[in-house]
Structure formats: structure tokens, C-alpha cells
Amino acid sequence: MGGRGTATGRHEQAVGEGTAAGRRHADGQARATVGHMSGYEEQAYYRPLWVEEPARRRRLPDPVRTSAVRAVLIIAVTLIQAVIAFLSTLAESWLAFPMVLSSVASTVVATWAALDVWVTRQVWNQRNGVVSEPSSTARTLRRERRRGRRHARATERAQERIRRQGGTGQLSHP
């Protein structure tokens, strides 16, 4: 008969009424047992730990994400310093005054870090074409890239035409 897992967690078996039942082994691999009580046949199948779902929003660009992570870490340290300063002030510890000073300095740095995220995001948008205003720098850059690609294709077509003509129209022959 089947039973639940043991203290060692070796395996767990569920017994059904002549239908498919499940068994989980210590190696973490799930197996399906098919058949009646007398003859079990095990078939391995893999169940993923999680199912990928499409993202609701696009991922932040790398520079923006880097500055955001930096800002979160700095803000977390600032909050910890503020709590330590508050508690050491309540305890009338000698550590209270230096912690208050460092908390004030940390607050300035945390404000700068938050502004850095905003500025980095704006710069990235301006350079990479997210802003679609006529005066956008990104639009001009895209236009120049398109013009360069068109020119390269025209040059390539001209060279291909010369090759097809068997070299006629060239100034010198080998």
C-alpha cells in the first residue's frame, strides 16, 4: 500500500483506485505510476518549477537599471542610518551625534541618487529614440543612419552592376 513521506523524505506515494497515481522520489524527479495495485509501471515526467509569463512592461535599459539599483541601495543605507541615529538619541548614546550628521549627509547623497535615476532615464530616452518629438536628437540620428544605409546599398548595387558587365567601364584591366 502507499504511504506519505518518511522522516528522511525518501519518497511519497499516492495510491488510487486502479487509475494513475503519483510518486515523488528523493532525487526531486516526479514519476507517474500507471496501473493497478499489483503491477506499477513508472514513467518519468518533468514538471517545471515555474512557468514563464510575458512581461507586462518592458525591461529598463541597462544604465537606468544600474542607477536605480544604486539609488535603492543608497536609500536603504540612509534609512538604516536614520533609525540608528534615532535609537541612539533615545538611548542618549555618544553615537547619536555622529549618526545624525552622517544621516544628514546620507540624505543629500540619496537625493542625488534618486535624481540620477531620473536624469539617466531622460538621457537614455533622448539618445535612443523613445521621445518622438520633431526636435529630438534621436530622430536626427535615425535619419542619418538611414541615409548612410541607403548610400551603402546604392554603392553595393553599382559595384555589382560593374561586376556583371564583366569589367567594362573600368579604367584598367589586370
Protein backbone atom coordinates (compact mmCIF):
# COMPACT_ATOMS: atom_id res chain seq x y z
CA MET A 1 0.00 0.00 0.00
CA GLY A 2 1.04 3.59 -0.40
CA GLY A 3 2.02 5.99 2.31
CA ARG A 4 3.18 9.53 2.93
CA GLY A 5 6.82 10.52 3.02
CA THR A 6 9.08 9.36 5.82
CA ALA A 7 11.24 11.49 8.09
CA THR A 8 14.10 11.07 5.63
CA GLY A 9 11.85 12.27 2.84
CA ARG A 10 12.81 9.32 0.62
CA HIS A 11 9.59 9.03 -1.36
CA GLU A 12 5.93 9.76 -1.29
CA GLN A 13 3.35 7.54 -2.93
CA ALA A 14 -0.33 8.13 -3.52
CA VAL A 15 -2.45 5.12 -4.35
CA GLY A 16 -5.54 5.47 -6.50
CA GLU A 17 -8.40 3.16 -7.26
CA GLY A 18 -6.80 1.39 -10.23
CA THR A 19 -6.01 4.68 -12.00
CA ALA A 20 -2.88 6.78 -12.33
CA ALA A 21 -1.29 7.74 -9.04
CA GLY A 22 1.81 9.85 -8.35
CA ARG A 23 5.14 9.18 -6.65
CA ARG A 24 7.87 11.68 -5.79
CA HIS A 25 11.40 10.39 -5.23
CA ALA A 26 14.24 11.83 -3.16
CA ASP A 27 16.10 12.93 -6.30
CA GLY A 28 13.35 15.50 -6.89
CA GLN A 29 12.15 13.82 -10.08
CA ALA A 30 8.43 13.19 -10.31
CA ARG A 31 7.23 9.89 -11.71
CA ALA A 32 3.77 8.78 -12.72
CA THR A 33 2.72 5.29 -11.72
CA VAL A 34 0.18 3.76 -14.02
CA GLY A 35 -1.74 0.54 -13.47
CA HIS A 36 -3.44 -1.45 -10.75
CA MET A 37 -2.18 -2.30 -7.29
CA SER A 38 -0.33 -5.40 -8.46
CA GLY A 39 1.78 -4.05 -11.34
CA TYR A 40 3.07 -0.48 -11.24
CA GLU A 41 4.94 0.91 -14.23
CA GLU A 42 6.87 4.13 -13.61
CA GLN A 43 7.17 6.78 -16.30
CA ALA A 44 9.35 9.84 -15.65
CA TYR A 45 7.95 13.26 -16.44
CA TYR A 46 9.34 16.68 -15.58
CA ARG A 47 7.27 19.48 -14.17
CA PRO A 48 8.93 22.92 -14.38
CA LEU A 49 9.43 24.87 -11.17
CA TRP A 50 7.77 27.93 -12.68
CA VAL A 51 6.08 28.93 -15.90
CA GLU A 52 7.39 31.91 -17.84
CA GLU A 53 4.82 34.63 -18.34
CA PRO A 54 5.24 37.52 -20.75
CA ALA A 55 6.33 40.73 -19.06
CA ARG A 56 3.68 43.37 -18.60
CA ARG A 57 6.21 46.15 -19.05
CA ARG A 58 9.47 46.25 -20.94
CA ARG A 59 12.71 45.87 -19.04
CA LEU A 60 14.55 49.05 -18.05
CA PRO A 61 17.62 49.89 -20.12
CA ASP A 62 20.92 48.81 -18.51
CA PRO A 63 22.20 52.29 -17.49
CA VAL A 64 18.84 53.21 -15.97
CA ARG A 65 18.57 49.89 -14.12
CA THR A 66 22.13 50.30 -12.79
CA SER A 67 21.42 53.77 -11.44
CA ALA A 68 18.10 52.59 -9.97
CA VAL A 69 19.79 49.72 -8.11
CA ARG A 70 22.46 52.12 -6.83
CA ALA A 71 19.76 54.54 -5.65
CA VAL A 72 17.82 51.81 -3.83
CA LEU A 73 20.96 50.64 -2.01
CA ILE A 74 21.90 54.20 -1.00
CA ILE A 75 18.37 54.95 0.20
CA ALA A 76 18.31 51.71 2.22
CA VAL A 77 21.60 52.61 3.93
CA THR A 78 20.25 56.11 4.63
CA LEU A 79 17.12 54.70 6.27
CA ILE A 80 19.21 52.34 8.41
CA GLN A 81 21.41 55.24 9.50
CA ALA A 82 18.37 57.34 10.36
CA VAL A 83 16.92 54.54 12.52
CA ILE A 84 20.26 54.04 14.29
CA ALA A 85 20.54 57.80 14.87
CA PHE A 86 17.01 57.91 16.30
CA LEU A 87 17.53 54.93 18.60
CA SER A 88 20.92 56.14 19.83
CA THR A 89 19.38 59.56 20.52
CA LEU A 90 16.69 57.89 22.63
CA ALA A 91 19.36 55.89 24.44
CA GLU A 92 21.43 59.06 24.97
CA SER A 93 24.44 57.31 23.48
CA TRP A 94 27.61 59.10 22.37
CA LEU A 95 26.94 57.61 18.92
CA ALA A 96 23.86 59.80 18.43
CA PHE A 97 25.63 62.98 17.23
CA PRO A 98 27.88 61.31 14.61
CA MET A 99 24.96 59.25 13.34
CA VAL A 100 22.74 62.32 12.96
CA LEU A 101 25.48 64.07 10.99
CA SER A 102 26.04 61.05 8.76
CA SER A 103 22.27 60.72 8.26
CA VAL A 104 22.07 64.29 7.03
CA ALA A 105 24.95 63.71 4.62
CA SER A 106 23.41 60.42 3.52
CA THR A 107 20.10 62.13 2.83
CA VAL A 108 21.84 64.52 0.44
CA VAL A 109 23.53 61.60 -1.32
CA ALA A 110 20.24 59.66 -1.51
CA THR A 111 18.51 62.67 -3.09
CA TRP A 112 21.31 62.89 -5.64
CA ALA A 113 20.95 59.16 -6.39
CA ALA A 114 17.21 59.49 -6.98
CA LEU A 115 17.79 62.45 -9.30
CA ASP A 116 20.50 60.43 -11.07
CA VAL A 117 17.91 57.77 -11.98
CA TRP A 118 15.64 60.42 -13.45
CA VAL A 119 18.43 62.13 -15.41
CA THR A 120 19.84 58.83 -16.70
CA ARG A 121 16.39 57.80 -17.91
CA GLN A 122 15.85 61.12 -19.68
CA VAL A 123 19.28 60.94 -21.36
CA TRP A 124 18.69 57.35 -22.48
CA ASN A 125 15.28 58.26 -23.93
CA GLN A 126 16.77 61.24 -25.77
CA ARG A 127 19.63 59.22 -27.28
CA ASN A 128 17.74 56.07 -28.19
CA GLY A 129 14.63 57.34 -29.85
CA VAL A 130 11.88 56.90 -27.31
CA VAL A 131 10.99 60.60 -27.41
CA SER A 132 9.27 61.23 -30.73
CA GLU A 133 9.32 65.00 -30.92
CA PRO A 134 10.46 66.61 -34.18
CA SER A 135 13.37 68.28 -32.41
CA SER A 136 14.52 65.02 -30.87
CA THR A 137 18.21 64.19 -31.22
CA ALA A 138 17.31 60.56 -31.68
CA ARG A 139 15.18 61.29 -34.75
CA THR A 140 18.10 63.11 -36.42
CA LEU A 141 20.44 60.22 -35.62
CA ARG A 142 17.97 57.71 -37.07
CA ARG A 143 17.64 59.80 -40.22
CA GLU A 144 21.44 59.94 -40.62
CA ARG A 145 21.73 56.16 -40.12
CA ARG A 146 19.03 55.54 -42.72
CA ARG A 147 20.78 57.87 -45.19
CA GLY A 148 24.09 56.01 -44.60
CA ARG A 149 22.44 52.62 -45.19
CA ARG A 150 20.81 53.87 -48.40
CA HIS A 151 24.15 55.19 -49.65
CA ALA A 152 25.90 51.88 -48.81
CA ARG A 153 23.22 49.89 -50.68
CA ALA A 154 23.48 52.17 -53.73
CA THR A 155 27.27 51.76 -53.77
CA GLU A 156 26.95 47.99 -53.47
CA ARG A 157 24.44 47.87 -56.34
CA ALA A 158 26.78 49.91 -58.53
CA GLN A 159 29.70 47.58 -57.78
CA GLU A 160 27.53 44.54 -58.52
CA ARG A 161 26.49 46.10 -61.86
CA ILE A 162 30.16 46.63 -62.80
CA ARG A 163 30.98 43.00 -61.93
CA ARG A 164 28.08 41.71 -64.07
CA GLN A 165 29.23 43.72 -67.09
CA GLY A 166 32.50 41.80 -66.99
CA GLY A 167 34.64 44.71 -66.01
CA THR A 168 33.64 47.04 -68.85
CA GLY A 169 33.63 50.61 -67.78
CA GLN A 170 36.67 50.17 -65.56
CA LEU A 171 39.76 52.26 -66.27
CA SER A 172 42.25 49.38 -66.12
CA HIS A 173 42.16 45.62 -66.58
CA PRO A 174 44.52 43.11 -64.95
